[in-house]
Amino acid sequence: MAFYRDNEGFHGCYVHDPLAVGIMIDRGLAQTERVHLVVETEGRFTTGMSLADRRDRAGMRPATPLT
């Protein structure tokens, strides 16, 4: 928890894995939707974050994957 205190500013931690396990056991715990997803690689404050583009992408050119 020291990492979160020093880097996120709170005493505690995120608990992602138990939620993922719970959803696999009971799909009714959460709603999902398919979205266009990219991972930010150049942002000053957002590097490494997953960004969901929820705009209607009909008629838009598909993004070129980065290599």
N, C-alpha and C. Protein backbone atom coordinates (compact mmCIF):
# COMPACT_ATOMS: atom_id res chain seq x y z
N MET A 1 0.81 -1.19 0.00
CA MET A 1 0.00 0.00 0.00
C MET A 1 0.85 1.26 0.00
N ALA A 2 2.12 1.12 0.35
CA ALA A 2 3.01 2.27 0.33
C ALA A 2 3.13 2.84 -1.09
N PHE A 3 3.11 1.96 -2.10
CA PHE A 3 3.18 2.42 -3.49
C PHE A 3 2.01 3.34 -3.79
N TYR A 4 0.80 2.92 -3.42
CA TYR A 4 -0.39 3.74 -3.68
C TYR A 4 -0.36 5.02 -2.88
N ARG A 5 0.13 4.97 -1.66
CA ARG A 5 0.24 6.18 -0.84
C ARG A 5 1.20 7.16 -1.52
N ASP A 6 2.35 6.66 -1.96
CA ASP A 6 3.38 7.53 -2.53
C ASP A 6 3.05 7.99 -3.95
N ASN A 7 2.35 7.17 -4.73
CA ASN A 7 2.12 7.48 -6.14
C ASN A 7 0.70 7.89 -6.47
N GLU A 8 -0.27 7.43 -5.70
CA GLU A 8 -1.66 7.74 -5.99
C GLU A 8 -2.27 8.69 -4.96
N GLY A 9 -1.60 8.86 -3.83
CA GLY A 9 -2.07 9.81 -2.84
C GLY A 9 -3.15 9.30 -1.90
N PHE A 10 -3.30 7.98 -1.78
CA PHE A 10 -4.26 7.48 -0.82
C PHE A 10 -3.75 6.20 -0.17
N HIS A 11 -4.22 5.93 1.03
CA HIS A 11 -3.81 4.73 1.75
C HIS A 11 -4.80 3.63 1.42
N GLY A 12 -4.39 2.72 0.59
CA GLY A 12 -5.24 1.63 0.13
C GLY A 12 -4.67 1.09 -1.16
N CYS A 13 -5.45 0.31 -1.87
CA CYS A 13 -4.99 -0.20 -3.17
C CYS A 13 -6.18 -0.58 -4.02
N TYR A 14 -5.95 -0.62 -5.33
CA TYR A 14 -6.99 -1.06 -6.25
C TYR A 14 -7.09 -2.58 -6.18
N VAL A 15 -8.28 -3.09 -6.32
CA VAL A 15 -8.51 -4.53 -6.22
C VAL A 15 -9.21 -4.98 -7.51
N HIS A 16 -8.43 -5.17 -8.58
CA HIS A 16 -9.00 -5.53 -9.88
C HIS A 16 -9.25 -7.03 -10.02
N ASP A 17 -8.31 -7.85 -9.63
CA ASP A 17 -8.42 -9.29 -9.87
C ASP A 17 -9.64 -9.94 -9.23
N PRO A 18 -10.00 -9.61 -7.97
CA PRO A 18 -11.20 -10.23 -7.41
C PRO A 18 -12.46 -9.91 -8.22
N LEU A 19 -12.53 -8.71 -8.78
CA LEU A 19 -13.68 -8.37 -9.60
C LEU A 19 -13.69 -9.22 -10.87
N ALA A 20 -12.55 -9.39 -11.51
CA ALA A 20 -12.47 -10.21 -12.71
C ALA A 20 -12.89 -11.65 -12.41
N VAL A 21 -12.42 -12.19 -11.30
CA VAL A 21 -12.80 -13.55 -10.91
C VAL A 21 -14.30 -13.61 -10.64
N GLY A 22 -14.83 -12.62 -9.94
CA GLY A 22 -16.26 -12.58 -9.64
C GLY A 22 -17.10 -12.55 -10.91
N ILE A 23 -16.67 -11.77 -11.89
CA ILE A 23 -17.41 -11.67 -13.15
C ILE A 23 -17.38 -13.00 -13.90
N MET A 24 -16.26 -13.70 -13.83
CA MET A 24 -16.19 -15.01 -14.48
C MET A 24 -17.13 -16.01 -13.80
N ILE A 25 -17.31 -15.88 -12.51
CA ILE A 25 -18.22 -16.77 -11.78
C ILE A 25 -19.67 -16.38 -12.02
N ASP A 26 -19.95 -15.07 -12.01
CA ASP A 26 -21.32 -14.58 -12.17
C ASP A 26 -21.30 -13.40 -13.12
N ARG A 27 -21.60 -13.64 -14.39
CA ARG A 27 -21.57 -12.59 -15.42
C ARG A 27 -22.56 -11.46 -15.13
N GLY A 28 -23.49 -11.69 -14.25
CA GLY A 28 -24.47 -10.66 -13.90
C GLY A 28 -23.92 -9.56 -13.00
N LEU A 29 -22.68 -9.69 -12.54
CA LEU A 29 -22.09 -8.67 -11.67
C LEU A 29 -21.76 -7.37 -12.40
N ALA A 30 -21.61 -7.44 -13.72
CA ALA A 30 -21.23 -6.25 -14.47
C ALA A 30 -21.81 -6.31 -15.87
N GLN A 31 -21.98 -5.16 -16.47
CA GLN A 31 -22.40 -5.08 -17.86
C GLN A 31 -21.18 -4.76 -18.70
N THR A 32 -21.14 -5.28 -19.91
CA THR A 32 -20.02 -5.01 -20.81
C THR A 32 -20.54 -4.51 -22.15
N GLU A 33 -19.66 -3.89 -22.89
CA GLU A 33 -19.97 -3.50 -24.26
C GLU A 33 -18.67 -3.51 -25.05
N ARG A 34 -18.78 -3.81 -26.34
CA ARG A 34 -17.61 -3.79 -27.21
C ARG A 34 -17.31 -2.34 -27.58
N VAL A 35 -16.04 -1.94 -27.45
CA VAL A 35 -15.62 -0.59 -27.81
C VAL A 35 -14.28 -0.66 -28.52
N HIS A 36 -13.97 0.38 -29.28
CA HIS A 36 -12.65 0.52 -29.88
C HIS A 36 -11.71 0.94 -28.76
N LEU A 37 -10.62 0.21 -28.57
CA LEU A 37 -9.73 0.45 -27.44
C LEU A 37 -8.31 0.70 -27.94
N VAL A 38 -7.67 1.72 -27.37
CA VAL A 38 -6.26 1.98 -27.64
C VAL A 38 -5.55 2.17 -26.31
N VAL A 39 -4.25 1.95 -26.32
CA VAL A 39 -3.44 2.19 -25.13
C VAL A 39 -2.61 3.43 -25.39
N GLU A 40 -2.75 4.42 -24.52
CA GLU A 40 -2.01 5.69 -24.64
C GLU A 40 -0.53 5.44 -24.43
N THR A 41 0.28 5.87 -25.37
CA THR A 41 1.73 5.65 -25.26
C THR A 41 2.54 6.94 -25.19
N GLU A 42 1.90 8.09 -25.41
CA GLU A 42 2.67 9.33 -25.45
C GLU A 42 2.17 10.42 -24.53
N GLY A 43 1.10 10.18 -23.80
CA GLY A 43 0.52 11.22 -22.95
C GLY A 43 1.39 11.54 -21.75
N ARG A 44 1.39 12.79 -21.37
CA ARG A 44 2.20 13.21 -20.22
C ARG A 44 1.68 12.61 -18.92
N PHE A 45 0.37 12.56 -18.76
CA PHE A 45 -0.23 12.06 -17.54
C PHE A 45 -0.97 10.74 -17.74
N THR A 46 -1.12 10.29 -18.97
CA THR A 46 -1.96 9.13 -19.25
C THR A 46 -1.20 7.95 -19.84
N THR A 47 0.12 7.99 -19.89
CA THR A 47 0.87 6.90 -20.49
C THR A 47 0.52 5.57 -19.86
N GLY A 48 0.18 4.60 -20.70
CA GLY A 48 -0.17 3.26 -20.24
C GLY A 48 -1.64 3.06 -19.96
N MET A 49 -2.44 4.12 -20.03
CA MET A 49 -3.88 3.99 -19.77
C MET A 49 -4.60 3.44 -21.00
N SER A 50 -5.61 2.64 -20.76
CA SER A 50 -6.48 2.15 -21.83
C SER A 50 -7.57 3.19 -22.07
N LEU A 51 -7.78 3.53 -23.33
CA LEU A 51 -8.77 4.54 -23.67
C LEU A 51 -9.83 3.92 -24.57
N ALA A 52 -11.07 3.98 -24.15
CA ALA A 52 -12.18 3.44 -24.93
C ALA A 52 -12.81 4.57 -25.73
N ASP A 53 -12.91 4.39 -27.05
CA ASP A 53 -13.54 5.36 -27.93
C ASP A 53 -14.98 4.89 -28.14
N ARG A 54 -15.93 5.56 -27.52
CA ARG A 54 -17.32 5.14 -27.56
C ARG A 54 -18.11 5.83 -28.68
N ARG A 55 -17.42 6.60 -29.53
CA ARG A 55 -18.11 7.25 -30.65
C ARG A 55 -18.62 6.21 -31.65
N ASP A 56 -19.65 6.57 -32.41
CA ASP A 56 -20.13 5.71 -33.48
C ASP A 56 -19.06 5.71 -34.56
N ARG A 57 -18.42 4.58 -34.78
CA ARG A 57 -17.30 4.50 -35.71
C ARG A 57 -17.72 4.07 -37.11
N ALA A 58 -19.04 3.97 -37.37
CA ALA A 58 -19.50 3.59 -38.70
C ALA A 58 -18.98 4.61 -39.71
N GLY A 59 -18.37 4.12 -40.76
CA GLY A 59 -17.84 4.99 -41.80
C GLY A 59 -16.46 5.55 -41.50
N MET A 60 -15.92 5.32 -40.32
CA MET A 60 -14.58 5.81 -39.98
C MET A 60 -13.55 4.80 -40.45
N ARG A 61 -12.41 5.28 -40.89
CA ARG A 61 -11.32 4.38 -41.28
C ARG A 61 -10.82 3.65 -40.04
N PRO A 62 -10.54 2.35 -40.16
CA PRO A 62 -9.98 1.63 -39.01
C PRO A 62 -8.59 2.18 -38.67
N ALA A 63 -8.27 2.18 -37.41
CA ALA A 63 -6.95 2.66 -36.97
C ALA A 63 -5.88 1.69 -37.44
N THR A 64 -4.75 2.22 -37.82
CA THR A 64 -3.62 1.38 -38.21
C THR A 64 -2.90 0.93 -36.95
N PRO A 65 -2.76 -0.38 -36.75
CA PRO A 65 -2.05 -0.85 -35.55
C PRO A 65 -0.61 -0.38 -35.55
N LEU A 66 -0.11 -0.01 -34.38
CA LEU A 66 1.29 0.39 -34.23
C LEU A 66 2.13 -0.87 -34.08
N THR A 67 3.32 -0.85 -34.62
CA THR A 67 4.20 -2.01 -34.48
C THR A 67 5.45 -1.65 -33.72
